[in-house]
């Protein structure tokens, strides 16, 4: 293994009641990342290992999907605001070159 590289060990054991249990060991991980994972797991009522597995699955799922286009992202962001009518396009003065007073 290259010097300074993180070591990642992933083990999986199938559990009959709750499904697969994933155990992940990352040496030399950033303390901030570890604490953020712990906070998110606690907030969502999951264990840290379950949160890591969920995060990895979501990251890999998103990897295979093209990102939404800008218009779709804007519409999704404002969909909860209750705006249903189209907005008129704003028209103003035509753009012009900057004058730096040479």
C-alpha atoms as a PDB file:
ATOM      1  CA  UNK A   1       0.000   0.000   0.000  1.00  0.00           C
ATOM      2  CA  UNK A   2       1.293   3.480  -0.818  1.00  0.00           C
ATOM      3  CA  UNK A   3       2.702   5.493   2.046  1.00  0.00           C
ATOM      4  CA  UNK A   4       0.162   7.919   3.489  1.00  0.00           C
ATOM      5  CA  UNK A   5      -2.804   6.163   1.843  1.00  0.00           C
ATOM      6  CA  UNK A   6      -5.910   5.397   3.895  1.00  0.00           C
ATOM      7  CA  UNK A   7      -6.554   1.752   4.611  1.00  0.00           C
ATOM      8  CA  UNK A   8     -10.167   0.675   4.160  1.00  0.00           C
ATOM      9  CA  UNK A   9     -11.455  -2.702   5.295  1.00  0.00           C
ATOM     10  CA  UNK A  10     -15.051  -3.698   4.533  1.00  0.00           C
ATOM     11  CA  UNK A  11     -16.624  -6.858   5.958  1.00  0.00           C
ATOM     12  CA  UNK A  12     -20.170  -8.074   5.405  1.00  0.00           C
ATOM     13  CA  UNK A  13     -22.236 -10.545   7.413  1.00  0.00           C
ATOM     14  CA  UNK A  14     -25.831 -11.390   6.533  1.00  0.00           C
ATOM     15  CA  UNK A  15     -28.238 -11.143   9.443  1.00  0.00           C
ATOM     16  CA  UNK A  16     -31.633 -12.862   9.143  1.00  0.00           C
ATOM     17  CA  UNK A  17     -33.706 -10.153  10.841  1.00  0.00           C
ATOM     18  CA  UNK A  18     -32.194  -6.844   9.783  1.00  0.00           C
ATOM     19  CA  UNK A  19     -30.445  -7.744   6.537  1.00  0.00           C
ATOM     20  CA  UNK A  20     -26.758  -7.268   5.808  1.00  0.00           C
ATOM     21  CA  UNK A  21     -24.453  -5.828   8.421  1.00  0.00           C
ATOM     22  CA  UNK A  22     -21.539  -3.886   7.011  1.00  0.00           C
ATOM     23  CA  UNK A  23     -18.492  -3.198   9.121  1.00  0.00           C
ATOM     24  CA  UNK A  24     -16.070  -0.583   7.832  1.00  0.00           C
ATOM     25  CA  UNK A  25     -12.682   0.303   9.271  1.00  0.00           C
ATOM     26  CA  UNK A  26     -10.879   3.361   7.920  1.00  0.00           C
ATOM     27  CA  UNK A  27      -7.530   4.207   9.421  1.00  0.00           C
ATOM     28  CA  UNK A  28      -6.246   7.768   9.293  1.00  0.00           C
ATOM     29  CA  UNK A  29      -9.668   9.195   8.463  1.00  0.00           C
ATOM     30  CA  UNK A  30     -10.331  12.840   9.177  1.00  0.00           C
ATOM     31  CA  UNK A  31     -11.720  13.419  12.667  1.00  0.00           C
ATOM     32  CA  UNK A  32     -14.263  15.879  11.255  1.00  0.00           C
ATOM     33  CA  UNK A  33     -15.646  13.214   8.892  1.00  0.00           C
ATOM     34  CA  UNK A  34     -15.940  10.698  11.726  1.00  0.00           C
ATOM     35  CA  UNK A  35     -17.747  13.140  14.016  1.00  0.00           C
ATOM     36  CA  UNK A  36     -20.113  14.262  11.243  1.00  0.00           C
ATOM     37  CA  UNK A  37     -21.001  10.633  10.467  1.00  0.00           C
ATOM     38  CA  UNK A  38     -21.655   9.982  14.157  1.00  0.00           C
ATOM     39  CA  UNK A  39     -23.899  13.078  14.429  1.00  0.00           C
ATOM     40  CA  UNK A  40     -25.864  12.163  11.300  1.00  0.00           C
ATOM     41  CA  UNK A  41     -26.296   8.555  12.469  1.00  0.00           C
ATOM     42  CA  UNK A  42     -27.528   9.727  15.871  1.00  0.00           C
ATOM     43  CA  UNK A  43     -29.872  12.299  14.303  1.00  0.00           C
ATOM     44  CA  UNK A  44     -31.416   9.659  12.032  1.00  0.00           C
ATOM     45  CA  UNK A  45     -31.565   6.944  14.707  1.00  0.00           C
ATOM     46  CA  UNK A  46     -29.028   4.650  13.066  1.00  0.00           C
ATOM     47  CA  UNK A  47     -25.712   3.163  14.057  1.00  0.00           C
ATOM     48  CA  UNK A  48     -22.515   4.543  12.543  1.00  0.00           C
ATOM     49  CA  UNK A  49     -21.929   1.386  10.467  1.00  0.00           C
ATOM     50  CA  UNK A  50     -25.458   1.561   9.082  1.00  0.00           C
ATOM     51  CA  UNK A  51     -24.982   5.250   8.260  1.00  0.00           C
ATOM     52  CA  UNK A  52     -21.711   4.509   6.432  1.00  0.00           C
ATOM     53  CA  UNK A  53     -23.374   1.721   4.435  1.00  0.00           C
ATOM     54  CA  UNK A  54     -26.300   3.989   3.546  1.00  0.00           C
ATOM     55  CA  UNK A  55     -23.953   6.810   2.520  1.00  0.00           C
ATOM     56  CA  UNK A  56     -21.892   4.503   0.313  1.00  0.00           C
ATOM     57  CA  UNK A  57     -25.008   3.002  -1.344  1.00  0.00           C
ATOM     58  CA  UNK A  58     -26.431   6.473  -2.053  1.00  0.00           C
ATOM     59  CA  UNK A  59     -23.123   7.727  -3.450  1.00  0.00           C
ATOM     60  CA  UNK A  60     -22.829   4.765  -5.804  1.00  0.00           C
ATOM     61  CA  UNK A  61     -26.481   5.001  -6.858  1.00  0.00           C
ATOM     62  CA  UNK A  62     -26.068   8.703  -7.694  1.00  0.00           C
ATOM     63  CA  UNK A  63     -22.880   7.928  -9.633  1.00  0.00           C
ATOM     64  CA  UNK A  64     -24.917   6.069 -12.266  1.00  0.00           C
ATOM     65  CA  UNK A  65     -27.500   8.833 -12.736  1.00  0.00           C
ATOM     66  CA  UNK A  66     -26.849  11.971 -14.754  1.00  0.00           C
ATOM     67  CA  UNK A  67     -27.174  15.129 -12.665  1.00  0.00           C
ATOM     68  CA  UNK A  68     -30.484  16.963 -13.074  1.00  0.00           C
ATOM     69  CA  UNK A  69     -30.443  19.902 -15.438  1.00  0.00           C
ATOM     70  CA  UNK A  70     -30.359  23.436 -14.026  1.00  0.00           C
ATOM     71  CA  UNK A  71     -33.998  24.241 -14.821  1.00  0.00           C
ATOM     72  CA  UNK A  72     -35.170  21.059 -13.101  1.00  0.00           C
ATOM     73  CA  UNK A  73     -33.076  21.833 -10.026  1.00  0.00           C
ATOM     74  CA  UNK A  74     -34.467  25.381  -9.815  1.00  0.00           C
ATOM     75  CA  UNK A  75     -38.058  24.140 -10.230  1.00  0.00           C
ATOM     76  CA  UNK A  76     -37.537  21.508  -7.517  1.00  0.00           C
ATOM     77  CA  UNK A  77     -36.073  24.067  -5.132  1.00  0.00           C
ATOM     78  CA  UNK A  78     -39.048  26.426  -5.444  1.00  0.00           C
ATOM     79  CA  UNK A  79     -41.783  23.758  -5.778  1.00  0.00           C
ATOM     80  CA  UNK A  80     -42.509  23.927  -2.037  1.00  0.00           C
ATOM     81  CA  UNK A  81     -43.058  27.701  -2.217  1.00  0.00           C
ATOM     82  CA  UNK A  82     -46.411  27.180  -3.952  1.00  0.00           C
ATOM     83  CA  UNK A  83     -45.509  29.057  -7.129  1.00  0.00           C
ATOM     84  CA  UNK A  84     -47.547  27.573  -9.971  1.00  0.00           C
ATOM     85  CA  UNK A  85     -47.623  30.345 -12.586  1.00  0.00           C
ATOM     86  CA  UNK A  86     -44.846  30.955 -15.071  1.00  0.00           C
ATOM     87  CA  UNK A  87     -42.806  34.072 -14.396  1.00  0.00           C
ATOM     88  CA  UNK A  88     -42.292  36.573 -17.192  1.00  0.00           C
ATOM     89  CA  UNK A  89     -38.791  36.817 -18.568  1.00  0.00           C
ATOM     90  CA  UNK A  90     -36.994  39.890 -17.301  1.00  0.00           C
ATOM     91  CA  UNK A  91     -35.864  42.282 -20.019  1.00  0.00           C
ATOM     92  CA  UNK A  92     -33.700  45.267 -19.384  1.00  0.00           C
ATOM     93  CA  UNK A  93     -30.989  47.328 -21.010  1.00  0.00           C
ATOM     94  CA  UNK A  94     -28.774  45.463 -23.440  1.00  0.00           C
ATOM     95  CA  UNK A  95     -25.364  44.497 -22.086  1.00  0.00           C
ATOM     96  CA  UNK A  96     -22.453  46.678 -23.137  1.00  0.00           C
ATOM     97  CA  UNK A  97     -18.687  46.581 -22.776  1.00  0.00           C
ATOM     98  CA  UNK A  98     -17.093  48.012 -19.666  1.00  0.00           C
ATOM     99  CA  UNK A  99     -15.478  51.449 -20.073  1.00  0.00           C
ATOM    100  CA  UNK A 100     -12.253  51.701 -18.084  1.00  0.00           C
ATOM    101  CA  UNK A 101     -11.587  55.327 -19.101  1.00  0.00           C
ATOM    102  CA  UNK A 102      -8.384  54.844 -21.123  1.00  0.00           C
END
